[in-house]
Every structure is written in structure tokens, then in C-alpha cells.
Amino acid sequence: DLTISATGGGGGGTSNSGEYWCGLTGGPITTTGQLALQ
């Protein structure tokens, strides 16, 4: 077997409002939360 794994990229940042992106609702998200498609 060959196991291919990705590490890092912990993300971060803040979503002030999902409404700024096409088709998304939700926010503000500062640490955890959900965005949904309209």
C-alpha cells in the first residue's frame, strides 16, 4: 500500500457573512459554524 496524506493548511480567518459569496447563507463565522446554499 501507498498512503498519501495531506497535512497543514489549518485554515483560519473569519467569515463575516456568507451572503458575500454567490449562493451562500450563514455567518458570521469566527471559529466554527456552517454555511449553506441558498
All heavy atoms as atom14 arrays in JSON, in Angstrom:
{
  "sequence": "DLTISATGGGGGGTSNSGEYWCGLTGGPITTTGQLALQ",
  "atom14_mask": [
    [1, 1, 1, 1, 1, 1, 1, 1, 0, 0, 0, 0, 0, 0],
    [1, 1, 1, 1, 1, 1, 1, 1, 0, 0, 0, 0, 0, 0],
    [1, 1, 1, 1, 1, 1, 1, 0, 0, 0, 0, 0, 0, 0],
    [1, 1, 1, 1, 1, 1, 1, 1, 0, 0, 0, 0, 0, 0],
    [1, 1, 1, 1, 1, 1, 0, 0, 0, 0, 0, 0, 0, 0],
    [1, 1, 1, 1, 1, 0, 0, 0, 0, 0, 0, 0, 0, 0],
    [1, 1, 1, 1, 1, 1, 1, 0, 0, 0, 0, 0, 0, 0],
    [1, 1, 1, 1, 0, 0, 0, 0, 0, 0, 0, 0, 0, 0],
    [1, 1, 1, 1, 0, 0, 0, 0, 0, 0, 0, 0, 0, 0],
    [1, 1, 1, 1, 0, 0, 0, 0, 0, 0, 0, 0, 0, 0],
    [1, 1, 1, 1, 0, 0, 0, 0, 0, 0, 0, 0, 0, 0],
    [1, 1, 1, 1, 0, 0, 0, 0, 0, 0, 0, 0, 0, 0],
    [1, 1, 1, 1, 0, 0, 0, 0, 0, 0, 0, 0, 0, 0],
    [1, 1, 1, 1, 1, 1, 1, 0, 0, 0, 0, 0, 0, 0],
    [1, 1, 1, 1, 1, 1, 0, 0, 0, 0, 0, 0, 0, 0],
    [1, 1, 1, 1, 1, 1, 1, 1, 0, 0, 0, 0, 0, 0],
    [1, 1, 1, 1, 1, 1, 0, 0, 0, 0, 0, 0, 0, 0],
    [1, 1, 1, 1, 0, 0, 0, 0, 0, 0, 0, 0, 0, 0],
    [1, 1, 1, 1, 1, 1, 1, 1, 1, 0, 0, 0, 0, 0],
    [1, 1, 1, 1, 1, 1, 1, 1, 1, 1, 1, 1, 0, 0],
    [1, 1, 1, 1, 1, 1, 1, 1, 1, 1, 1, 1, 1, 1],
    [1, 1, 1, 1, 1, 1, 0, 0, 0, 0, 0, 0, 0, 0],
    [1, 1, 1, 1, 0, 0, 0, 0, 0, 0, 0, 0, 0, 0],
    [1, 1, 1, 1, 1, 1, 1, 1, 0, 0, 0, 0, 0, 0],
    [1, 1, 1, 1, 1, 1, 1, 0, 0, 0, 0, 0, 0, 0],
    [1, 1, 1, 1, 0, 0, 0, 0, 0, 0, 0, 0, 0, 0],
    [1, 1, 1, 1, 0, 0, 0, 0, 0, 0, 0, 0, 0, 0],
    [1, 1, 1, 1, 1, 1, 1, 0, 0, 0, 0, 0, 0, 0],
    [1, 1, 1, 1, 1, 1, 1, 1, 0, 0, 0, 0, 0, 0],
    [1, 1, 1, 1, 1, 1, 1, 0, 0, 0, 0, 0, 0, 0],
    [1, 1, 1, 1, 1, 1, 1, 0, 0, 0, 0, 0, 0, 0],
    [1, 1, 1, 1, 1, 1, 1, 0, 0, 0, 0, 0, 0, 0],
    [1, 1, 1, 1, 0, 0, 0, 0, 0, 0, 0, 0, 0, 0],
    [1, 1, 1, 1, 1, 1, 1, 1, 1, 0, 0, 0, 0, 0],
    [1, 1, 1, 1, 1, 1, 1, 1, 0, 0, 0, 0, 0, 0],
    [1, 1, 1, 1, 1, 0, 0, 0, 0, 0, 0, 0, 0, 0],
    [1, 1, 1, 1, 1, 1, 1, 1, 0, 0, 0, 0, 0, 0],
    [1, 1, 1, 1, 1, 1, 1, 1, 1, 0, 0, 0, 0, 0]
  ],
  "atom14_positions": [
    [[0.83, -1.2, 0.0], [0.0, 0.0, 0.0], [0.86, 1.25, 0.0], [1.92, 1.29, 0.61], [-0.9, 0.04, 1.24], [-1.9, -1.09, 1.28], [-2.32, -1.56, 0.21], [-2.26, -1.5, 2.4], [0.0, 0.0, 0.0], [0.0, 0.0, 0.0], [0.0, 0.0, 0.0], [0.0, 0.0, 0.0], [0.0, 0.0, 0.0], [0.0, 0.0, 0.0]],
    [[0.38, 2.29, -0.68], [0.96, 3.62, -0.59], [-0.12, 4.52, 0.0], [-1.21, 4.65, -0.56], [1.35, 4.16, -1.97], [2.57, 3.55, -2.62], [2.73, 4.09, -4.03], [3.81, 3.86, -1.81], [0.0, 0.0, 0.0], [0.0, 0.0, 0.0], [0.0, 0.0, 0.0], [0.0, 0.0, 0.0], [0.0, 0.0, 0.0], [0.0, 0.0, 0.0]],
    [[0.16, 5.12, 1.15], [-0.79, 6.03, 1.78], [-0.34, 7.45, 1.49], [0.78, 7.84, 1.82], [-0.85, 5.79, 3.29], [-1.21, 4.44, 3.53], [-1.87, 6.71, 3.94], [0.0, 0.0, 0.0], [0.0, 0.0, 0.0], [0.0, 0.0, 0.0], [0.0, 0.0, 0.0], [0.0, 0.0, 0.0], [0.0, 0.0, 0.0], [0.0, 0.0, 0.0]],
    [[-1.22, 8.23, 0.85], [-0.92, 9.62, 0.51], [-1.76, 10.49, 1.44], [-2.98, 10.37, 1.47], [-1.25, 9.9, -0.97], [-0.43, 8.95, -1.86], [-0.98, 11.36, -1.31], [-0.81, 8.99, -3.31], [0.0, 0.0, 0.0], [0.0, 0.0, 0.0], [0.0, 0.0, 0.0], [0.0, 0.0, 0.0], [0.0, 0.0, 0.0], [0.0, 0.0, 0.0]],
    [[-1.08, 11.35, 2.21], [-1.77, 12.17, 3.2], [-1.4, 13.64, 3.01], [-0.3, 13.96, 2.59], [-1.36, 11.75, 4.62], [-1.66, 10.4, 4.84], [0.0, 0.0, 0.0], [0.0, 0.0, 0.0], [0.0, 0.0, 0.0], [0.0, 0.0, 0.0], [0.0, 0.0, 0.0], [0.0, 0.0, 0.0], [0.0, 0.0, 0.0], [0.0, 0.0, 0.0]],
    [[-2.34, 14.49, 3.36], [-2.1, 15.93, 3.34], [-2.07, 16.44, 4.77], [-2.85, 16.0, 5.61], [-3.21, 16.64, 2.55], [0.0, 0.0, 0.0], [0.0, 0.0, 0.0], [0.0, 0.0, 0.0], [0.0, 0.0, 0.0], [0.0, 0.0, 0.0], [0.0, 0.0, 0.0], [0.0, 0.0, 0.0], [0.0, 0.0, 0.0], [0.0, 0.0, 0.0]],
    [[-1.16, 17.35, 5.05], [-1.05, 17.93, 6.38], [-1.08, 19.43, 6.28], [-0.94, 20.01, 5.2], [0.27, 17.51, 7.07], [1.36, 17.94, 6.26], [0.35, 16.01, 7.26], [0.0, 0.0, 0.0], [0.0, 0.0, 0.0], [0.0, 0.0, 0.0], [0.0, 0.0, 0.0], [0.0, 0.0, 0.0], [0.0, 0.0, 0.0], [0.0, 0.0, 0.0]],
    [[-1.22, 20.07, 7.41], [-1.17, 21.52, 7.45], [-2.42, 22.14, 6.9], [-3.47, 21.51, 6.8], [0.0, 0.0, 0.0], [0.0, 0.0, 0.0], [0.0, 0.0, 0.0], [0.0, 0.0, 0.0], [0.0, 0.0, 0.0], [0.0, 0.0, 0.0], [0.0, 0.0, 0.0], [0.0, 0.0, 0.0], [0.0, 0.0, 0.0], [0.0, 0.0, 0.0]],
    [[-2.32, 23.38, 6.53], [-3.46, 24.1, 5.96], [-4.6, 24.22, 6.92], [-5.75, 24.08, 6.55], [0.0, 0.0, 0.0], [0.0, 0.0, 0.0], [0.0, 0.0, 0.0], [0.0, 0.0, 0.0], [0.0, 0.0, 0.0], [0.0, 0.0, 0.0], [0.0, 0.0, 0.0], [0.0, 0.0, 0.0], [0.0, 0.0, 0.0], [0.0, 0.0, 0.0]],
    [[-4.31, 24.48, 8.19], [-5.32, 24.54, 9.22], [-6.38, 25.59, 8.99], [-7.36, 25.66, 9.71], [0.0, 0.0, 0.0], [0.0, 0.0, 0.0], [0.0, 0.0, 0.0], [0.0, 0.0, 0.0], [0.0, 0.0, 0.0], [0.0, 0.0, 0.0], [0.0, 0.0, 0.0], [0.0, 0.0, 0.0], [0.0, 0.0, 0.0], [0.0, 0.0, 0.0]],
    [[-6.19, 26.39, 8.0], [-7.2, 27.4, 7.68], [-7.21, 28.51, 8.7], [-6.21, 28.83, 9.32], [0.0, 0.0, 0.0], [0.0, 0.0, 0.0], [0.0, 0.0, 0.0], [0.0, 0.0, 0.0], [0.0, 0.0, 0.0], [0.0, 0.0, 0.0], [0.0, 0.0, 0.0], [0.0, 0.0, 0.0], [0.0, 0.0, 0.0], [0.0, 0.0, 0.0]],
    [[-8.33, 29.06, 8.91], [-8.46, 30.15, 9.86], [-9.08, 31.34, 9.18], [-9.4, 31.32, 8.01], [0.0, 0.0, 0.0], [0.0, 0.0, 0.0], [0.0, 0.0, 0.0], [0.0, 0.0, 0.0], [0.0, 0.0, 0.0], [0.0, 0.0, 0.0], [0.0, 0.0, 0.0], [0.0, 0.0, 0.0], [0.0, 0.0, 0.0], [0.0, 0.0, 0.0]],
    [[-9.28, 32.34, 9.96], [-9.88, 33.55, 9.42], [-11.32, 33.67, 9.84], [-11.84, 32.87, 10.61], [0.0, 0.0, 0.0], [0.0, 0.0, 0.0], [0.0, 0.0, 0.0], [0.0, 0.0, 0.0], [0.0, 0.0, 0.0], [0.0, 0.0, 0.0], [0.0, 0.0, 0.0], [0.0, 0.0, 0.0], [0.0, 0.0, 0.0], [0.0, 0.0, 0.0]],
    [[-11.98, 34.66, 9.34], [-13.35, 34.96, 9.74], [-14.21, 35.14, 8.51], [-13.81, 35.78, 7.55], [-13.38, 36.25, 10.59], [-12.58, 36.06, 11.74], [-14.8, 36.6, 11.0], [0.0, 0.0, 0.0], [0.0, 0.0, 0.0], [0.0, 0.0, 0.0], [0.0, 0.0, 0.0], [0.0, 0.0, 0.0], [0.0, 0.0, 0.0], [0.0, 0.0, 0.0]],
    [[-15.41, 34.59, 8.58], [-16.41, 34.85, 7.55], [-17.43, 35.79, 8.16], [-18.16, 35.43, 9.08], [-17.09, 33.55, 7.12], [-18.24, 33.84, 6.37], [0.0, 0.0, 0.0], [0.0, 0.0, 0.0], [0.0, 0.0, 0.0], [0.0, 0.0, 0.0], [0.0, 0.0, 0.0], [0.0, 0.0, 0.0], [0.0, 0.0, 0.0], [0.0, 0.0, 0.0]],
    [[-17.47, 37.01, 7.7], [-18.41, 37.97, 8.26], [-19.84, 37.68, 7.85], [-20.76, 37.88, 8.59], [-18.04, 39.39, 7.85], [-16.73, 39.82, 8.46], [-16.43, 39.46, 9.59], [-15.93, 40.56, 7.71], [0.0, 0.0, 0.0], [0.0, 0.0, 0.0], [0.0, 0.0, 0.0], [0.0, 0.0, 0.0], [0.0, 0.0, 0.0], [0.0, 0.0, 0.0]],
    [[-20.0, 37.19, 6.65], [-21.34, 36.84, 6.19], [-21.23, 36.01, 4.94], [-20.51, 36.37, 4.02], [-22.17, 38.1, 5.89], [-23.41, 37.72, 5.33], [0.0, 0.0, 0.0], [0.0, 0.0, 0.0], [0.0, 0.0, 0.0], [0.0, 0.0, 0.0], [0.0, 0.0, 0.0], [0.0, 0.0, 0.0], [0.0, 0.0, 0.0], [0.0, 0.0, 0.0]],
    [[-21.93, 34.88, 4.93], [-21.92, 34.03, 3.75], [-22.58, 34.69, 2.56], [-22.4, 34.28, 1.44], [0.0, 0.0, 0.0], [0.0, 0.0, 0.0], [0.0, 0.0, 0.0], [0.0, 0.0, 0.0], [0.0, 0.0, 0.0], [0.0, 0.0, 0.0], [0.0, 0.0, 0.0], [0.0, 0.0, 0.0], [0.0, 0.0, 0.0], [0.0, 0.0, 0.0]],
    [[-23.36, 35.73, 2.8], [-24.08, 36.37, 1.72], [-23.16, 37.08, 0.75], [-23.56, 37.48, -0.32], [-25.11, 37.34, 2.3], [-26.19, 36.6, 3.08], [-27.11, 37.53, 3.84], [-27.02, 38.76, 3.66], [-27.91, 37.02, 4.63], [0.0, 0.0, 0.0], [0.0, 0.0, 0.0], [0.0, 0.0, 0.0], [0.0, 0.0, 0.0], [0.0, 0.0, 0.0]],
    [[-21.88, 37.28, 1.1], [-20.95, 37.92, 0.2], [-20.54, 36.99, -0.94], [-20.0, 37.43, -1.91], [-19.7, 38.39, 0.94], [-19.97, 39.56, 1.86], [-19.87, 39.42, 3.23], [-20.36, 40.79, 1.34], [-20.13, 40.49, 4.07], [-20.63, 41.86, 2.18], [-20.5, 41.7, 3.54], [-20.77, 42.76, 4.36], [0.0, 0.0, 0.0], [0.0, 0.0, 0.0]],
    [[-20.73, 35.68, -0.76], [-20.36, 34.72, -1.78], [-21.61, 34.26, -2.49], [-22.66, 34.08, -1.88], [-19.63, 33.52, -1.17], [-18.37, 33.93, -0.52], [-17.28, 34.5, -1.09], [-18.07, 33.82, 0.87], [-16.31, 34.74, -0.16], [-16.77, 34.34, 1.05], [-18.76, 33.34, 1.97], [-16.17, 34.39, 2.29], [-18.16, 33.39, 3.21], [-16.87, 33.91, 3.34]],
    [[-21.5, 34.0, -3.75], [-22.65, 33.59, -4.56], [-23.28, 32.34, -3.98], [-22.63, 31.32, -3.82], [-22.22, 33.33, -6.0], [-21.54, 34.79, -6.8], [0.0, 0.0, 0.0], [0.0, 0.0, 0.0], [0.0, 0.0, 0.0], [0.0, 0.0, 0.0], [0.0, 0.0, 0.0], [0.0, 0.0, 0.0], [0.0, 0.0, 0.0], [0.0, 0.0, 0.0]],
    [[-24.54, 32.41, -3.68], [-25.32, 31.23, -3.3], [-25.15, 30.76, -1.88], [-25.69, 29.73, -1.52], [0.0, 0.0, 0.0], [0.0, 0.0, 0.0], [0.0, 0.0, 0.0], [0.0, 0.0, 0.0], [0.0, 0.0, 0.0], [0.0, 0.0, 0.0], [0.0, 0.0, 0.0], [0.0, 0.0, 0.0], [0.0, 0.0, 0.0], [0.0, 0.0, 0.0]],
    [[-24.39, 31.47, -1.02], [-24.2, 31.0, 0.35], [-24.94, 31.87, 1.34], [-25.08, 33.07, 1.16], [-22.71, 31.01, 0.71], [-21.81, 30.08, -0.09], [-20.37, 30.24, 0.35], [-22.24, 28.64, 0.07], [0.0, 0.0, 0.0], [0.0, 0.0, 0.0], [0.0, 0.0, 0.0], [0.0, 0.0, 0.0], [0.0, 0.0, 0.0], [0.0, 0.0, 0.0]],
    [[-25.43, 31.25, 2.41], [-26.01, 31.99, 3.52], [-25.32, 31.52, 4.79], [-24.76, 30.44, 4.85], [-27.52, 31.72, 3.65], [-27.74, 30.33, 3.9], [-28.28, 32.14, 2.41], [0.0, 0.0, 0.0], [0.0, 0.0, 0.0], [0.0, 0.0, 0.0], [0.0, 0.0, 0.0], [0.0, 0.0, 0.0], [0.0, 0.0, 0.0], [0.0, 0.0, 0.0]],
    [[-25.39, 32.32, 5.83], [-24.79, 31.96, 7.11], [-23.78, 32.99, 7.52], [-23.45, 33.91, 6.78], [0.0, 0.0, 0.0], [0.0, 0.0, 0.0], [0.0, 0.0, 0.0], [0.0, 0.0, 0.0], [0.0, 0.0, 0.0], [0.0, 0.0, 0.0], [0.0, 0.0, 0.0], [0.0, 0.0, 0.0], [0.0, 0.0, 0.0], [0.0, 0.0, 0.0]],
    [[-23.28, 32.85, 8.72], [-22.29, 33.76, 9.24], [-22.92, 34.72, 10.22], [-24.12, 34.76, 10.37], [0.0, 0.0, 0.0], [0.0, 0.0, 0.0], [0.0, 0.0, 0.0], [0.0, 0.0, 0.0], [0.0, 0.0, 0.0], [0.0, 0.0, 0.0], [0.0, 0.0, 0.0], [0.0, 0.0, 0.0], [0.0, 0.0, 0.0], [0.0, 0.0, 0.0]],
    [[-22.16, 35.49, 11.0], [-20.71, 35.45, 10.91], [-20.13, 34.17, 11.51], [-20.68, 33.63, 12.44], [-20.27, 36.67, 11.71], [-21.36, 36.87, 12.69], [-22.63, 36.43, 12.01], [0.0, 0.0, 0.0], [0.0, 0.0, 0.0], [0.0, 0.0, 0.0], [0.0, 0.0, 0.0], [0.0, 0.0, 0.0], [0.0, 0.0, 0.0], [0.0, 0.0, 0.0]],
    [[-19.03, 33.72, 10.95], [-18.33, 32.55, 11.47], [-16.93, 33.02, 11.85], [-16.19, 33.52, 11.02], [-18.25, 31.43, 10.41], [-19.65, 30.96, 10.06], [-17.39, 30.28, 10.92], [-19.69, 29.98, 8.92], [0.0, 0.0, 0.0], [0.0, 0.0, 0.0], [0.0, 0.0, 0.0], [0.0, 0.0, 0.0], [0.0, 0.0, 0.0], [0.0, 0.0, 0.0]],
    [[-16.58, 32.86, 13.13], [-15.27, 33.3, 13.58], [-14.36, 32.12, 13.89], [-13.17, 32.19, 13.69], [-15.39, 34.2, 14.81], [-16.11, 33.48, 15.82], [-16.12, 35.48, 14.48], [0.0, 0.0, 0.0], [0.0, 0.0, 0.0], [0.0, 0.0, 0.0], [0.0, 0.0, 0.0], [0.0, 0.0, 0.0], [0.0, 0.0, 0.0], [0.0, 0.0, 0.0]],
    [[-14.89, 31.03, 14.41], [-14.08, 29.85, 14.71], [-14.7, 28.61, 14.09], [-14.08, 27.89, 13.34], [-13.93, 29.64, 16.22], [-13.4, 30.83, 16.78], [-12.97, 28.5, 16.52], [0.0, 0.0, 0.0], [0.0, 0.0, 0.0], [0.0, 0.0, 0.0], [0.0, 0.0, 0.0], [0.0, 0.0, 0.0], [0.0, 0.0, 0.0], [0.0, 0.0, 0.0]],
    [[-15.95, 28.35, 14.4], [-16.67, 27.23, 13.81], [-18.04, 27.72, 13.4], [-18.52, 28.75, 13.86], [-16.83, 26.06, 14.81], [-17.6, 26.51, 15.93], [-15.49, 25.53, 15.27], [0.0, 0.0, 0.0], [0.0, 0.0, 0.0], [0.0, 0.0, 0.0], [0.0, 0.0, 0.0], [0.0, 0.0, 0.0], [0.0, 0.0, 0.0], [0.0, 0.0, 0.0]],
    [[-18.69, 26.98, 12.55], [-20.02, 27.35, 12.11], [-20.35, 26.65, 10.82], [-19.64, 25.75, 10.39], [0.0, 0.0, 0.0], [0.0, 0.0, 0.0], [0.0, 0.0, 0.0], [0.0, 0.0, 0.0], [0.0, 0.0, 0.0], [0.0, 0.0, 0.0], [0.0, 0.0, 0.0], [0.0, 0.0, 0.0], [0.0, 0.0, 0.0], [0.0, 0.0, 0.0]],
    [[-21.43, 27.06, 10.2], [-21.86, 26.43, 8.96], [-22.27, 27.48, 7.95], [-22.77, 28.54, 8.31], [-23.06, 25.51, 9.22], [-22.75, 24.31, 10.07], [-23.98, 23.43, 10.26], [-25.11, 23.87, 10.13], [-23.74, 22.17, 10.55], [0.0, 0.0, 0.0], [0.0, 0.0, 0.0], [0.0, 0.0, 0.0], [0.0, 0.0, 0.0], [0.0, 0.0, 0.0]],
    [[-22.04, 27.15, 6.71], [-22.58, 27.92, 5.61], [-23.5, 26.99, 4.84], [-23.28, 25.78, 4.8], [-21.47, 28.42, 4.68], [-20.54, 29.48, 5.25], [-19.41, 29.77, 4.26], [-21.3, 30.76, 5.57], [0.0, 0.0, 0.0], [0.0, 0.0, 0.0], [0.0, 0.0, 0.0], [0.0, 0.0, 0.0], [0.0, 0.0, 0.0], [0.0, 0.0, 0.0]],
    [[-24.52, 27.52, 4.24], [-25.46, 26.7, 3.49], [-25.7, 27.34, 2.13], [-25.5, 28.54, 1.95], [-26.79, 26.58, 4.25], [0.0, 0.0, 0.0], [0.0, 0.0, 0.0], [0.0, 0.0, 0.0], [0.0, 0.0, 0.0], [0.0, 0.0, 0.0], [0.0, 0.0, 0.0], [0.0, 0.0, 0.0], [0.0, 0.0, 0.0], [0.0, 0.0, 0.0]],
    [[-26.12, 26.52, 1.18], [-26.5, 27.04, -0.13], [-27.93, 27.55, -0.08], [-28.82, 26.91, 0.46], [-26.42, 25.93, -1.18], [-25.03, 25.56, -1.66], [-25.11, 24.36, -2.58], [-24.38, 26.71, -2.37], [0.0, 0.0, 0.0], [0.0, 0.0, 0.0], [0.0, 0.0, 0.0], [0.0, 0.0, 0.0], [0.0, 0.0, 0.0], [0.0, 0.0, 0.0]],
    [[-28.14, 28.72, -0.64], [-29.49, 29.25, -0.77], [-30.23, 28.45, -1.83], [-29.61, 27.84, -2.7], [-29.45, 30.7, -1.22], [-28.77, 31.65, -0.3], [-28.68, 33.05, -0.92], [-29.2, 33.3, -2.0], [-28.01, 33.95, -0.24], [0.0, 0.0, 0.0], [0.0, 0.0, 0.0], [0.0, 0.0, 0.0], [0.0, 0.0, 0.0], [0.0, 0.0, 0.0]]
  ]
}
